[in-house]
């Protein structure tokens, strides 16, 4: 009987511990990156290091986002130009380092670039 009670009470503890680790790891990457060179005058960003959207400003080119922290490994990221100057959405070329994400894709000023990054 005692053995069954111990097994039952350990499960919630393990689940709660795993949830705490997940929440702490997610909050560690919750900072919003800064806009670097190439995003254009008046560009804006919403989201976090792990995902968000950049609205390009005027005179945009290859847009660089500077992560809020420095990571052990360069994250695996993807990006998509959602508006593409009014045409269909198109995948963007990305390059990452431990401190930044660089996004290059054909676009027009004012386009919205969505990005997702996975830290590991």
PDB file of N, CA and C in Angstrom:
ATOM      1  N   UNK A   1       0.818  -1.191   0.000  1.00  0.00           N
ATOM      2  CA  UNK A   1       0.000   0.000   0.000  1.00  0.00           C
ATOM      3  C   UNK A   1       0.866   1.261   0.000  1.00  0.00           C
ATOM      4  N   UNK A   2       1.849   1.284   0.882  1.00  0.00           N
ATOM      5  CA  UNK A   2       2.744   2.445   0.985  1.00  0.00           C
ATOM      6  C   UNK A   2       3.435   2.703  -0.350  1.00  0.00           C
ATOM      7  N   UNK A   3       3.829   1.634  -1.039  1.00  0.00           N
ATOM      8  CA  UNK A   3       4.523   1.756  -2.326  1.00  0.00           C
ATOM      9  C   UNK A   3       3.636   2.440  -3.375  1.00  0.00           C
ATOM     10  N   UNK A   4       2.338   2.075  -3.410  1.00  0.00           N
ATOM     11  CA  UNK A   4       1.416   2.699  -4.361  1.00  0.00           C
ATOM     12  C   UNK A   4       1.215   4.177  -4.055  1.00  0.00           C
ATOM     13  N   UNK A   5       1.126   4.550  -2.819  1.00  0.00           N
ATOM     14  CA  UNK A   5       0.945   5.939  -2.429  1.00  0.00           C
ATOM     15  C   UNK A   5       2.167   6.760  -2.827  1.00  0.00           C
ATOM     16  N   UNK A   6       3.363   6.220  -2.605  1.00  0.00           N
ATOM     17  CA  UNK A   6       4.592   6.932  -2.977  1.00  0.00           C
ATOM     18  C   UNK A   6       4.659   7.150  -4.479  1.00  0.00           C
ATOM     19  N   UNK A   7       4.313   6.125  -5.265  1.00  0.00           N
ATOM     20  CA  UNK A   7       4.348   6.268  -6.719  1.00  0.00           C
ATOM     21  C   UNK A   7       3.358   7.328  -7.190  1.00  0.00           C
ATOM     22  N   UNK A   8       2.194   7.361  -6.593  1.00  0.00           N
ATOM     23  CA  UNK A   8       1.183   8.341  -6.986  1.00  0.00           C
ATOM     24  C   UNK A   8       1.606   9.765  -6.620  1.00  0.00           C
ATOM     25  N   UNK A   9       2.212   9.942  -5.485  1.00  0.00           N
ATOM     26  CA  UNK A   9       2.569  11.299  -5.064  1.00  0.00           C
ATOM     27  C   UNK A   9       3.809  11.814  -5.761  1.00  0.00           C
ATOM     28  N   UNK A  10       4.652  10.954  -6.282  1.00  0.00           N
ATOM     29  CA  UNK A  10       5.842  11.402  -6.996  1.00  0.00           C
ATOM     30  C   UNK A  10       5.505  11.971  -8.361  1.00  0.00           C
ATOM     31  N   UNK A  11       4.501  11.446  -9.014  1.00  0.00           N
ATOM     32  CA  UNK A  11       4.144  11.908 -10.361  1.00  0.00           C
ATOM     33  C   UNK A  11       3.842  13.402 -10.410  1.00  0.00           C
ATOM     34  N   UNK A  12       2.984  13.920  -9.536  1.00  0.00           N
ATOM     35  CA  UNK A  12       2.734  15.370  -9.601  1.00  0.00           C
ATOM     36  C   UNK A  12       3.992  16.194  -9.329  1.00  0.00           C
ATOM     37  N   UNK A  13       4.854  15.693  -8.460  1.00  0.00           N
ATOM     38  CA  UNK A  13       6.083  16.427  -8.167  1.00  0.00           C
ATOM     39  C   UNK A  13       6.973  16.497  -9.397  1.00  0.00           C
ATOM     40  N   UNK A  14       7.095  15.386 -10.115  1.00  0.00           N
ATOM     41  CA  UNK A  14       7.910  15.357 -11.334  1.00  0.00           C
ATOM     42  C   UNK A  14       7.316  16.278 -12.385  1.00  0.00           C
ATOM     43  N   UNK A  15       6.010  16.247 -12.557  1.00  0.00           N
ATOM     44  CA  UNK A  15       5.348  17.102 -13.542  1.00  0.00           C
ATOM     45  C   UNK A  15       5.532  18.578 -13.173  1.00  0.00           C
ATOM     46  N   UNK A  16       5.373  18.910 -11.914  1.00  0.00           N
ATOM     47  CA  UNK A  16       5.544  20.302 -11.485  1.00  0.00           C
ATOM     48  C   UNK A  16       6.986  20.756 -11.665  1.00  0.00           C
ATOM     49  N   UNK A  17       7.947  19.896 -11.390  1.00  0.00           N
ATOM     50  CA  UNK A  17       9.359  20.260 -11.574  1.00  0.00           C
ATOM     51  C   UNK A  17       9.662  20.488 -13.047  1.00  0.00           C
ATOM     52  N   UNK A  18       9.150  19.620 -13.920  1.00  0.00           N
ATOM     53  CA  UNK A  18       9.374  19.785 -15.358  1.00  0.00           C
ATOM     54  C   UNK A  18       8.738  21.077 -15.859  1.00  0.00           C
ATOM     55  N   UNK A  19       7.553  21.404 -15.375  1.00  0.00           N
ATOM     56  CA  UNK A  19       6.890  22.645 -15.782  1.00  0.00           C
ATOM     57  C   UNK A  19       7.691  23.860 -15.330  1.00  0.00           C
ATOM     58  N   UNK A  20       8.249  23.804 -14.129  1.00  0.00           N
ATOM     59  CA  UNK A  20       9.056  24.915 -13.625  1.00  0.00           C
ATOM     60  C   UNK A  20      10.303  25.120 -14.480  1.00  0.00           C
ATOM     61  N   UNK A  21      10.959  24.033 -14.860  1.00  0.00           N
ATOM     62  CA  UNK A  21      12.151  24.135 -15.708  1.00  0.00           C
ATOM     63  C   UNK A  21      11.781  24.722 -17.056  1.00  0.00           C
ATOM     64  N   UNK A  22      10.665  24.286 -17.634  1.00  0.00           N
ATOM     65  CA  UNK A  22      10.216  24.813 -18.921  1.00  0.00           C
ATOM     66  C   UNK A  22       9.934  26.304 -18.835  1.00  0.00           C
ATOM     67  N   UNK A  23       9.219  26.725 -17.797  1.00  0.00           N
ATOM     68  CA  UNK A  23       8.877  28.145 -17.657  1.00  0.00           C
ATOM     69  C   UNK A  23      10.126  28.988 -17.435  1.00  0.00           C
ATOM     70  N   UNK A  24      11.063  28.502 -16.656  1.00  0.00           N
ATOM     71  CA  UNK A  24      12.295  29.257 -16.426  1.00  0.00           C
ATOM     72  C   UNK A  24      13.118  29.371 -17.694  1.00  0.00           C
ATOM     73  N   UNK A  25      13.179  28.294 -18.490  1.00  0.00           N
ATOM     74  CA  UNK A  25      13.957  28.369 -19.725  1.00  0.00           C
ATOM     75  C   UNK A  25      13.296  29.299 -20.724  1.00  0.00           C
ATOM     76  N   UNK A  26      11.976  29.328 -20.777  1.00  0.00           N
ATOM     77  CA  UNK A  26      11.279  30.225 -21.698  1.00  0.00           C
ATOM     78  C   UNK A  26      11.477  31.679 -21.288  1.00  0.00           C
ATOM     79  N   UNK A  27      11.435  31.954 -19.984  1.00  0.00           N
ATOM     80  CA  UNK A  27      11.593  33.337 -19.555  1.00  0.00           C
ATOM     81  C   UNK A  27      13.027  33.825 -19.731  1.00  0.00           C
ATOM     82  N   UNK A  28      13.986  32.909 -19.792  1.00  0.00           N
ATOM     83  CA  UNK A  28      15.376  33.312 -19.979  1.00  0.00           C
ATOM     84  C   UNK A  28      15.580  33.945 -21.353  1.00  0.00           C
ATOM     85  N   UNK A  29      14.717  33.612 -22.314  1.00  0.00           N
ATOM     86  CA  UNK A  29      14.853  34.134 -23.669  1.00  0.00           C
ATOM     87  C   UNK A  29      13.701  35.080 -24.006  1.00  0.00           C
ATOM     88  N   UNK A  30      13.133  35.707 -22.992  1.00  0.00           N
ATOM     89  CA  UNK A  30      11.944  36.530 -23.204  1.00  0.00           C
ATOM     90  C   UNK A  30      12.264  37.957 -23.611  1.00  0.00           C
ATOM     91  N   UNK A  31      13.527  38.357 -23.585  1.00  0.00           N
ATOM     92  CA  UNK A  31      13.880  39.721 -23.952  1.00  0.00           C
ATOM     93  C   UNK A  31      13.617  39.996 -25.420  1.00  0.00           C
ATOM     94  N   UNK A  32      13.301  41.238 -25.739  1.00  0.00           N
ATOM     95  CA  UNK A  32      13.089  41.640 -27.127  1.00  0.00           C
ATOM     96  C   UNK A  32      14.417  42.051 -27.742  1.00  0.00           C
ATOM     97  N   UNK A  33      14.747  41.532 -28.927  1.00  0.00           N
ATOM     98  CA  UNK A  33      15.991  41.947 -29.569  1.00  0.00           C
ATOM     99  C   UNK A  33      15.931  43.411 -30.001  1.00  0.00           C
ATOM    100  N   UNK A  34      17.081  44.012 -30.138  1.00  0.00           N
ATOM    101  CA  UNK A  34      17.183  45.379 -30.660  1.00  0.00           C
ATOM    102  C   UNK A  34      17.319  45.309 -32.176  1.00  0.00           C
ATOM    103  N   UNK A  35      16.820  46.326 -32.841  1.00  0.00           N
ATOM    104  CA  UNK A  35      16.993  46.423 -34.282  1.00  0.00           C
ATOM    105  C   UNK A  35      18.396  46.925 -34.576  1.00  0.00           C
ATOM    106  N   UNK A  36      19.099  46.216 -35.427  1.00  0.00           N
ATOM    107  CA  UNK A  36      20.431  46.628 -35.828  1.00  0.00           C
ATOM    108  C   UNK A  36      20.393  47.293 -37.191  1.00  0.00           C
ATOM    109  N   UNK A  37      21.489  47.214 -37.890  1.00  0.00           N
ATOM    110  CA  UNK A  37      21.599  47.851 -39.201  1.00  0.00           C
ATOM    111  C   UNK A  37      20.699  47.185 -40.229  1.00  0.00           C
ATOM    112  N   UNK A  38      20.288  47.956 -41.204  1.00  0.00           N
ATOM    113  CA  UNK A  38      19.582  47.428 -42.360  1.00  0.00           C
ATOM    114  C   UNK A  38      18.083  47.298 -42.234  1.00  0.00           C
ATOM    115  N   UNK A  39      17.514  47.553 -41.059  1.00  0.00           N
ATOM    116  CA  UNK A  39      16.069  47.393 -40.890  1.00  0.00           C
ATOM    117  C   UNK A  39      15.293  48.620 -41.362  1.00  0.00           C
ATOM    118  N   UNK A  40      16.000  49.702 -41.615  1.00  0.00           N
ATOM    119  CA  UNK A  40      15.375  50.902 -42.159  1.00  0.00           C
ATOM    120  C   UNK A  40      14.959  51.900 -41.094  1.00  0.00           C
ATOM    121  N   UNK A  41      14.845  53.146 -41.515  1.00  0.00           N
ATOM    122  CA  UNK A  41      14.431  54.229 -40.626  1.00  0.00           C
ATOM    123  C   UNK A  41      12.969  54.052 -40.260  1.00  0.00           C
ATOM    124  N   UNK A  42      12.684  54.068 -38.953  1.00  0.00           N
ATOM    125  CA  UNK A  42      11.311  53.913 -38.483  1.00  0.00           C
ATOM    126  C   UNK A  42      10.866  52.471 -38.341  1.00  0.00           C
ATOM    127  N   UNK A  43      11.786  51.517 -38.454  1.00  0.00           N
ATOM    128  CA  UNK A  43      11.437  50.101 -38.291  1.00  0.00           C
ATOM    129  C   UNK A  43      10.980  49.845 -36.858  1.00  0.00           C
ATOM    130  N   UNK A  44      10.172  48.796 -36.678  1.00  0.00           N
ATOM    131  CA  UNK A  44       9.718  48.435 -35.335  1.00  0.00           C
ATOM    132  C   UNK A  44       9.736  46.923 -35.179  1.00  0.00           C
ATOM    133  N   UNK A  45       9.744  46.479 -33.918  1.00  0.00           N
ATOM    134  CA  UNK A  45       9.787  45.056 -33.622  1.00  0.00           C
ATOM    135  C   UNK A  45       8.869  44.754 -32.444  1.00  0.00           C
ATOM    136  N   UNK A  46       8.190  43.617 -32.505  1.00  0.00           N
ATOM    137  CA  UNK A  46       7.420  43.085 -31.381  1.00  0.00           C
ATOM    138  C   UNK A  46       7.804  41.625 -31.225  1.00  0.00           C
ATOM    139  N   UNK A  47       7.811  41.131 -29.999  1.00  0.00           N
ATOM    140  CA  UNK A  47       8.138  39.736 -29.766  1.00  0.00           C
ATOM    141  C   UNK A  47       9.327  39.583 -28.845  1.00  0.00           C
ATOM    142  N   UNK A  48      10.018  38.472 -29.000  1.00  0.00           N
ATOM    143  CA  UNK A  48      11.146  38.145 -28.135  1.00  0.00           C
ATOM    144  C   UNK A  48      12.278  37.558 -28.973  1.00  0.00           C
ATOM    145  N   UNK A  49      13.335  37.120 -28.295  1.00  0.00           N
ATOM    146  CA  UNK A  49      14.439  36.476 -29.003  1.00  0.00           C
ATOM    147  C   UNK A  49      13.988  35.204 -29.709  1.00  0.00           C
ATOM    148  N   UNK A  50      12.949  34.551 -29.198  1.00  0.00           N
ATOM    149  CA  UNK A  50      12.515  33.283 -29.776  1.00  0.00           C
ATOM    150  C   UNK A  50      11.468  33.420 -30.872  1.00  0.00           C
ATOM    151  N   UNK A  51      10.902  34.595 -31.047  1.00  0.00           N
ATOM    152  CA  UNK A  51       9.930  34.772 -32.121  1.00  0.00           C
ATOM    153  C   UNK A  51       9.305  36.145 -32.078  1.00  0.00           C
ATOM    154  N   UNK A  52       8.979  36.664 -33.239  1.00  0.00           N
ATOM    155  CA  UNK A  52       8.343  37.969 -33.304  1.00  0.00           C
ATOM    156  C   UNK A  52       8.213  38.448 -34.722  1.00  0.00           C
ATOM    157  N   UNK A  53       7.904  39.740 -34.851  1.00  0.00           N
ATOM    158  CA  UNK A  53       7.738  40.350 -36.167  1.00  0.00           C
ATOM    159  C   UNK A  53       8.443  41.690 -36.218  1.00  0.00           C
ATOM    160  N   UNK A  54       9.053  41.939 -37.352  1.00  0.00           N
ATOM    161  CA  UNK A  54       9.719  43.208 -37.622  1.00  0.00           C
ATOM    162  C   UNK A  54       8.978  43.873 -38.773  1.00  0.00           C
ATOM    163  N   UNK A  55       8.586  45.119 -38.575  1.00  0.00           N
ATOM    164  CA  UNK A  55       8.045  45.913 -39.669  1.00  0.00           C
ATOM    165  C   UNK A  55       9.183  46.801 -40.138  1.00  0.00           C
ATOM    166  N   UNK A  56       9.573  46.614 -41.384  1.00  0.00           N
ATOM    167  CA  UNK A  56      10.729  47.329 -41.922  1.00  0.00           C
ATOM    168  C   UNK A  56      10.422  48.807 -42.133  1.00  0.00           C
ATOM    169  N   UNK A  57      11.442  49.617 -41.961  1.00  0.00           N
ATOM    170  CA  UNK A  57      11.315  51.048 -42.185  1.00  0.00           C
ATOM    171  C   UNK A  57      11.740  51.415 -43.593  1.00  0.00           C
ATOM    172  N   UNK A  58      11.898  52.698 -43.834  1.00  0.00           N
ATOM    173  CA  UNK A  58      12.314  53.155 -45.159  1.00  0.00           C
ATOM    174  C   UNK A  58      13.820  52.982 -45.331  1.00  0.00           C
ATOM    175  N   UNK A  59      14.235  52.657 -46.533  1.00  0.00           N
ATOM    176  CA  UNK A  59      15.648  52.434 -46.828  1.00  0.00           C
ATOM    177  C   UNK A  59      16.175  51.136 -46.240  1.00  0.00           C
ATOM    178  N   UNK A  60      15.305  50.122 -46.112  1.00  0.00           N
ATOM    179  CA  UNK A  60      15.723  48.856 -45.501  1.00  0.00           C
ATOM    180  C   UNK A  60      16.580  48.033 -46.451  1.00  0.00           C
ATOM    181  N   UNK A  61      17.361  47.154 -45.863  1.00  0.00           N
ATOM    182  CA  UNK A  61      18.226  46.243 -46.613  1.00  0.00           C
ATOM    183  C   UNK A  61      18.306  44.927 -45.866  1.00  0.00           C
ATOM    184  N   UNK A  62      19.493  44.395 -45.672  1.00  0.00           N
ATOM    185  CA  UNK A  62      19.672  43.183 -44.874  1.00  0.00           C
ATOM    186  C   UNK A  62      19.514  43.592 -43.411  1.00  0.00           C
ATOM    187  N   UNK A  63      18.477  43.074 -42.743  1.00  0.00           N
ATOM    188  CA  UNK A  63      18.098  43.495 -41.395  1.00  0.00           C
ATOM    189  C   UNK A  63      18.765  42.605 -40.340  1.00  0.00           C
ATOM    190  N   UNK A  64      19.369  43.238 -39.344  1.00  0.00           N
ATOM    191  CA  UNK A  64      20.017  42.514 -38.255  1.00  0.00           C
ATOM    192  C   UNK A  64      19.290  42.780 -36.949  1.00  0.00           C
ATOM    193  N   UNK A  65      18.959  41.692 -36.235  1.00  0.00           N
ATOM    194  CA  UNK A  65      18.369  41.787 -34.905  1.00  0.00           C
ATOM    195  C   UNK A  65      19.428  41.370 -33.903  1.00  0.00           C
ATOM    196  N   UNK A  66      19.600  42.157 -32.862  1.00  0.00           N
ATOM    197  CA  UNK A  66      20.602  41.853 -31.840  1.00  0.00           C
ATOM    198  C   UNK A  66      19.872  41.276 -30.636  1.00  0.00           C
ATOM    199  N   UNK A  67      20.157  40.007 -30.315  1.00  0.00           N
ATOM    200  CA  UNK A  67      19.477  39.322 -29.220  1.00  0.00           C
ATOM    201  C   UNK A  67      19.675  40.057 -27.900  1.00  0.00           C
ATOM    202  N   UNK A  68      18.735  39.870 -26.990  1.00  0.00           N
ATOM    203  CA  UNK A  68      18.814  40.518 -25.679  1.00  0.00           C
ATOM    204  C   UNK A  68      19.882  39.898 -24.792  1.00  0.00           C
ATOM    205  N   UNK A  69      20.346  38.712 -25.143  1.00  0.00           N
ATOM    206  CA  UNK A  69      21.402  38.048 -24.380  1.00  0.00           C
ATOM    207  C   UNK A  69      22.383  37.373 -25.319  1.00  0.00           C
ATOM    208  N   UNK A  70      23.435  36.835 -24.760  1.00  0.00           N
ATOM    209  CA  UNK A  70      24.404  36.059 -25.536  1.00  0.00           C
ATOM    210  C   UNK A  70      24.161  34.598 -25.197  1.00  0.00           C
ATOM    211  N   UNK A  71      24.029  33.757 -26.199  1.00  0.00           N
ATOM    212  CA  UNK A  71      23.668  32.369 -25.994  1.00  0.00           C
ATOM    213  C   UNK A  71      24.860  31.452 -26.225  1.00  0.00           C
ATOM    214  N   UNK A  72      24.801  30.290 -25.630  1.00  0.00           N
ATOM    215  CA  UNK A  72      25.876  29.304 -25.742  1.00  0.00           C
ATOM    216  C   UNK A  72      26.052  28.847 -27.179  1.00  0.00           C
ATOM    217  N   UNK A  73      24.945  28.582 -27.858  1.00  0.00           N
ATOM    218  CA  UNK A  73      24.948  28.151 -29.256  1.00  0.00           C
ATOM    219  C   UNK A  73      24.144  29.144 -30.088  1.00  0.00           C
ATOM    220  N   UNK A  74      24.551  29.334 -31.321  1.00  0.00           N
ATOM    221  CA  UNK A  74      23.746  30.162 -32.226  1.00  0.00           C
ATOM    222  C   UNK A  74      22.405  29.463 -32.426  1.00  0.00           C
ATOM    223  N   UNK A  75      21.282  30.144 -32.217  1.00  0.00           N
ATOM    224  CA  UNK A  75      19.977  29.496 -32.341  1.00  0.00           C
ATOM    225  C   UNK A  75      19.667  29.092 -33.783  1.00  0.00           C
ATOM    226  N   UNK A  76      18.784  28.113 -33.900  1.00  0.00           N
ATOM    227  CA  UNK A  76      18.273  27.713 -35.211  1.00  0.00           C
ATOM    228  C   UNK A  76      17.048  28.576 -35.494  1.00  0.00           C
ATOM    229  N   UNK A  77      17.092  29.367 -36.561  1.00  0.00           N
ATOM    230  CA  UNK A  77      16.017  30.328 -36.847  1.00  0.00           C
ATOM    231  C   UNK A  77      15.481  30.167 -38.269  1.00  0.00           C
ATOM    232  N   UNK A  78      14.228  30.548 -38.440  1.00  0.00           N
ATOM    233  CA  UNK A  78      13.611  30.675 -39.756  1.00  0.00           C
ATOM    234  C   UNK A  78      12.934  32.041 -39.802  1.00  0.00           C
ATOM    235  N   UNK A  79      12.725  32.560 -41.000  1.00  0.00           N
ATOM    236  CA  UNK A  79      12.037  33.848 -41.153  1.00  0.00           C
ATOM    237  C   UNK A  79      11.232  33.828 -42.451  1.00  0.00           C
ATOM    238  N   UNK A  80      10.180  34.628 -42.468  1.00  0.00           N
ATOM    239  CA  UNK A  80       9.274  34.697 -43.612  1.00  0.00           C
ATOM    240  C   UNK A  80       8.864  36.146 -43.818  1.00  0.00           C
ATOM    241  N   UNK A  81       8.940  36.602 -45.058  1.00  0.00           N
ATOM    242  CA  UNK A  81       8.406  37.919 -45.387  1.00  0.00           C
ATOM    243  C   UNK A  81       6.913  37.718 -45.612  1.00  0.00           C
ATOM    244  N   UNK A  82       6.108  38.139 -44.649  1.00  0.00           N
ATOM    245  CA  UNK A  82       4.667  37.885 -44.714  1.00  0.00           C
ATOM    246  C   UNK A  82       3.953  38.752 -45.741  1.00  0.00           C
ATOM    247  N   UNK A  83       4.435  39.960 -45.955  1.00  0.00           N
ATOM    248  CA  UNK A  83       3.727  40.875 -46.853  1.00  0.00           C
ATOM    249  C   UNK A  83       4.352  40.943 -48.233  1.00  0.00           C
ATOM    250  N   UNK A  84       5.649  40.819 -48.333  1.00  0.00           N
ATOM    251  CA  UNK A  84       6.363  40.730 -49.600  1.00  0.00           C
ATOM    252  C   UNK A  84       5.890  41.747 -50.635  1.00  0.00           C
ATOM    253  N   UNK A  85       5.740  42.978 -50.224  1.00  0.00           N
ATOM    254  CA  UNK A  85       5.338  44.029 -51.163  1.00  0.00           C
ATOM    255  C   UNK A  85       3.999  43.772 -51.811  1.00  0.00           C
ATOM    256  N   UNK A  86       3.128  43.003 -51.152  1.00  0.00           N
ATOM    257  CA  UNK A  86       1.807  42.692 -51.696  1.00  0.00           C
ATOM    258  C   UNK A  86       1.740  41.372 -52.431  1.00  0.00           C
ATOM    259  N   UNK A  87       2.873  40.726 -52.674  1.00  0.00           N
ATOM    260  CA  UNK A  87       2.883  39.411 -53.338  1.00  0.00           C
ATOM    261  C   UNK A  87       2.745  38.307 -52.284  1.00  0.00           C
ATOM    262  N   UNK A  88       2.878  37.057 -52.723  1.00  0.00           N
ATOM    263  CA  UNK A  88       2.809  35.935 -51.785  1.00  0.00           C
ATOM    264  C   UNK A  88       3.967  35.985 -50.799  1.00  0.00           C
ATOM    265  N   UNK A  89       3.723  35.426 -49.601  1.00  0.00           N
ATOM    266  CA  UNK A  89       4.783  35.339 -48.595  1.00  0.00           C
ATOM    267  C   UNK A  89       5.950  34.531 -49.156  1.00  0.00           C
ATOM    268  N   UNK A  90       7.160  34.883 -48.712  1.00  0.00           N
ATOM    269  CA  UNK A  90       8.354  34.218 -49.217  1.00  0.00           C
ATOM    270  C   UNK A  90       9.311  33.969 -48.047  1.00  0.00           C
ATOM    271  N   UNK A  91       9.960  32.811 -48.070  1.00  0.00           N
ATOM    272  CA  UNK A  91      10.945  32.481 -47.035  1.00  0.00           C
ATOM    273  C   UNK A  91      12.138  33.420 -47.135  1.00  0.00           C
ATOM    274  N   UNK A  92      12.714  33.725 -46.004  1.00  0.00           N
ATOM    275  CA  UNK A  92      13.872  34.618 -45.945  1.00  0.00           C
ATOM    276  C   UNK A  92      15.128  33.819 -45.643  1.00  0.00           C
ATOM    277  N   UNK A  93      16.241  34.293 -46.134  1.00  0.00           N
ATOM    278  CA  UNK A  93      17.523  33.705 -45.782  1.00  0.00           C
ATOM    279  C   UNK A  93      17.944  34.237 -44.427  1.00  0.00           C
ATOM    280  N   UNK A  94      18.390  33.362 -43.541  1.00  0.00           N
ATOM    281  CA  UNK A  94      18.811  33.794 -42.209  1.00  0.00           C
ATOM    282  C   UNK A  94      20.206  33.285 -41.895  1.00  0.00           C
ATOM    283  N   UNK A  95      20.873  34.033 -41.041  1.00  0.00           N
ATOM    284  CA  UNK A  95      22.171  33.627 -40.518  1.00  0.00           C
ATOM    285  C   UNK A  95      22.177  34.041 -39.056  1.00  0.00           C
ATOM    286  N   UNK A  96      22.632  33.146 -38.180  1.00  0.00           N
ATOM    287  CA  UNK A  96      22.650  33.474 -36.760  1.00  0.00           C
ATOM    288  C   UNK A  96      24.046  33.321 -36.174  1.00  0.00           C
ATOM    289  N   UNK A  97      24.266  34.079 -35.130  1.00  0.00           N
ATOM    290  CA  UNK A  97      25.434  33.913 -34.267  1.00  0.00           C
ATOM    291  C   UNK A  97      24.880  33.823 -32.852  1.00  0.00           C
ATOM    292  N   UNK A  98      25.732  33.760 -31.868  1.00  0.00           N
ATOM    293  CA  UNK A  98      25.257  33.696 -30.484  1.00  0.00           C
ATOM    294  C   UNK A  98      24.673  35.025 -30.011  1.00  0.00           C
ATOM    295  N   UNK A  99      24.844  36.092 -30.800  1.00  0.00           N
ATOM    296  CA  UNK A  99      24.359  37.407 -30.389  1.00  0.00           C
ATOM    297  C   UNK A  99      23.378  38.065 -31.352  1.00  0.00           C
ATOM    298  N   UNK A 100      23.216  37.512 -32.573  1.00  0.00           N
ATOM    299  CA  UNK A 100      22.332  38.199 -33.516  1.00  0.00           C
ATOM    300  C   UNK A 100      21.746  37.283 -34.579  1.00  0.00           C
ATOM    301  N   UNK A 101      20.675  37.778 -35.185  1.00  0.00           N
ATOM    302  CA  UNK A 101      19.998  37.131 -36.307  1.00  0.00           C
ATOM    303  C   UNK A 101      20.025  38.117 -37.464  1.00  0.00           C
ATOM    304  N   UNK A 102      20.526  37.672 -38.614  1.00  0.00           N
ATOM    305  CA  UNK A 102      20.549  38.502 -39.817  1.00  0.00           C
ATOM    306  C   UNK A 102      19.571  37.898 -40.814  1.00  0.00           C
ATOM    307  N   UNK A 103      18.668  38.737 -41.331  1.00  0.00           N
ATOM    308  CA  UNK A 103      17.617  38.286 -42.243  1.00  0.00           C
ATOM    309  C   UNK A 103      17.788  38.989 -43.581  1.00  0.00           C
ATOM    310  N   UNK A 104      17.870  38.208 -44.649  1.00  0.00           N
ATOM    311  CA  UNK A 104      17.998  38.762 -46.001  1.00  0.00           C
ATOM    312  C   UNK A 104      16.938  38.144 -46.899  1.00  0.00           C
ATOM    313  N   UNK A 105      16.140  38.967 -47.520  1.00  0.00           N
ATOM    314  CA  UNK A 105      15.099  38.506 -48.427  1.00  0.00           C
ATOM    315  C   UNK A 105      14.700  39.696 -49.301  1.00  0.00           C
ATOM    316  N   UNK A 106      14.228  39.446 -50.509  1.00  0.00           N
ATOM    317  CA  UNK A 106      13.715  40.571 -51.303  1.00  0.00           C
ATOM    318  C   UNK A 106      12.473  41.141 -50.614  1.00  0.00           C
ATOM    319  N   UNK A 107      12.442  42.441 -50.379  1.00  0.00           N
ATOM    320  CA  UNK A 107      11.301  43.061 -49.729  1.00  0.00           C
ATOM    321  C   UNK A 107      11.185  44.519 -50.100  1.00  0.00           C
ATOM    322  N   UNK A 108      10.061  45.056 -49.698  1.00  0.00           N
ATOM    323  CA  UNK A 108       9.811  46.486 -49.878  1.00  0.00           C
ATOM    324  C   UNK A 108       9.754  47.125 -48.495  1.00  0.00           C
ATOM    325  N   UNK A 109      10.090  48.405 -48.436  1.00  0.00           N
ATOM    326  CA  UNK A 109       9.958  49.122 -47.170  1.00  0.00           C
ATOM    327  C   UNK A 109       8.536  48.939 -46.641  1.00  0.00           C
ATOM    328  N   UNK A 110       8.409  48.721 -45.341  1.00  0.00           N
ATOM    329  CA  UNK A 110       7.096  48.524 -44.731  1.00  0.00           C
ATOM    330  C   UNK A 110       6.647  47.083 -44.654  1.00  0.00           C
ATOM    331  N   UNK A 111       7.375  46.158 -45.298  1.00  0.00           N
ATOM    332  CA  UNK A 111       7.018  44.741 -45.210  1.00  0.00           C
ATOM    333  C   UNK A 111       7.178  44.239 -43.779  1.00  0.00           C
ATOM    334  N   UNK A 112       6.458  43.162 -43.452  1.00  0.00           N
ATOM    335  CA  UNK A 112       6.546  42.540 -42.139  1.00  0.00           C
ATOM    336  C   UNK A 112       7.280  41.217 -42.257  1.00  0.00           C
ATOM    337  N   UNK A 113       8.342  41.085 -41.462  1.00  0.00           N
ATOM    338  CA  UNK A 113       9.144  39.856 -41.434  1.00  0.00           C
ATOM    339  C   UNK A 113       8.858  39.150 -40.121  1.00  0.00           C
ATOM    340  N   UNK A 114       8.367  37.906 -40.197  1.00  0.00           N
ATOM    341  CA  UNK A 114       8.131  37.087 -39.018  1.00  0.00           C
ATOM    342  C   UNK A 114       9.307  36.143 -38.849  1.00  0.00           C
ATOM    343  N   UNK A 115       9.752  35.943 -37.605  1.00  0.00           N
ATOM    344  CA  UNK A 115      10.885  35.046 -37.345  1.00  0.00           C
ATOM    345  C   UNK A 115      10.590  34.148 -36.153  1.00  0.00           C
ATOM    346  N   UNK A 116      11.189  32.956 -36.179  1.00  0.00           N
ATOM    347  CA  UNK A 116      11.123  31.997 -35.069  1.00  0.00           C
ATOM    348  C   UNK A 116      12.516  31.458 -34.835  1.00  0.00           C
ATOM    349  N   UNK A 117      12.929  31.412 -33.586  1.00  0.00           N
ATOM    350  CA  UNK A 117      14.245  30.880 -33.232  1.00  0.00           C
ATOM    351  C   UNK A 117      14.113  29.852 -32.125  1.00  0.00           C
ATOM    352  N   UNK A 118      14.859  28.788 -32.238  1.00  0.00           N
ATOM    353  CA  UNK A 118      14.894  27.756 -31.213  1.00  0.00           C
ATOM    354  C   UNK A 118      16.276  27.753 -30.601  1.00  0.00           C
ATOM    355  N   UNK A 119      16.320  27.913 -29.301  1.00  0.00           N
ATOM    356  CA  UNK A 119      17.596  27.874 -28.586  1.00  0.00           C
ATOM    357  C   UNK A 119      17.857  26.425 -28.186  1.00  0.00           C
ATOM    358  N   UNK A 120      19.109  26.030 -28.155  1.00  0.00           N
ATOM    359  CA  UNK A 120      19.448  24.672 -27.732  1.00  0.00           C
ATOM    360  C   UNK A 120      20.755  24.672 -26.991  1.00  0.00           C
TER     361      UNK A 120
END
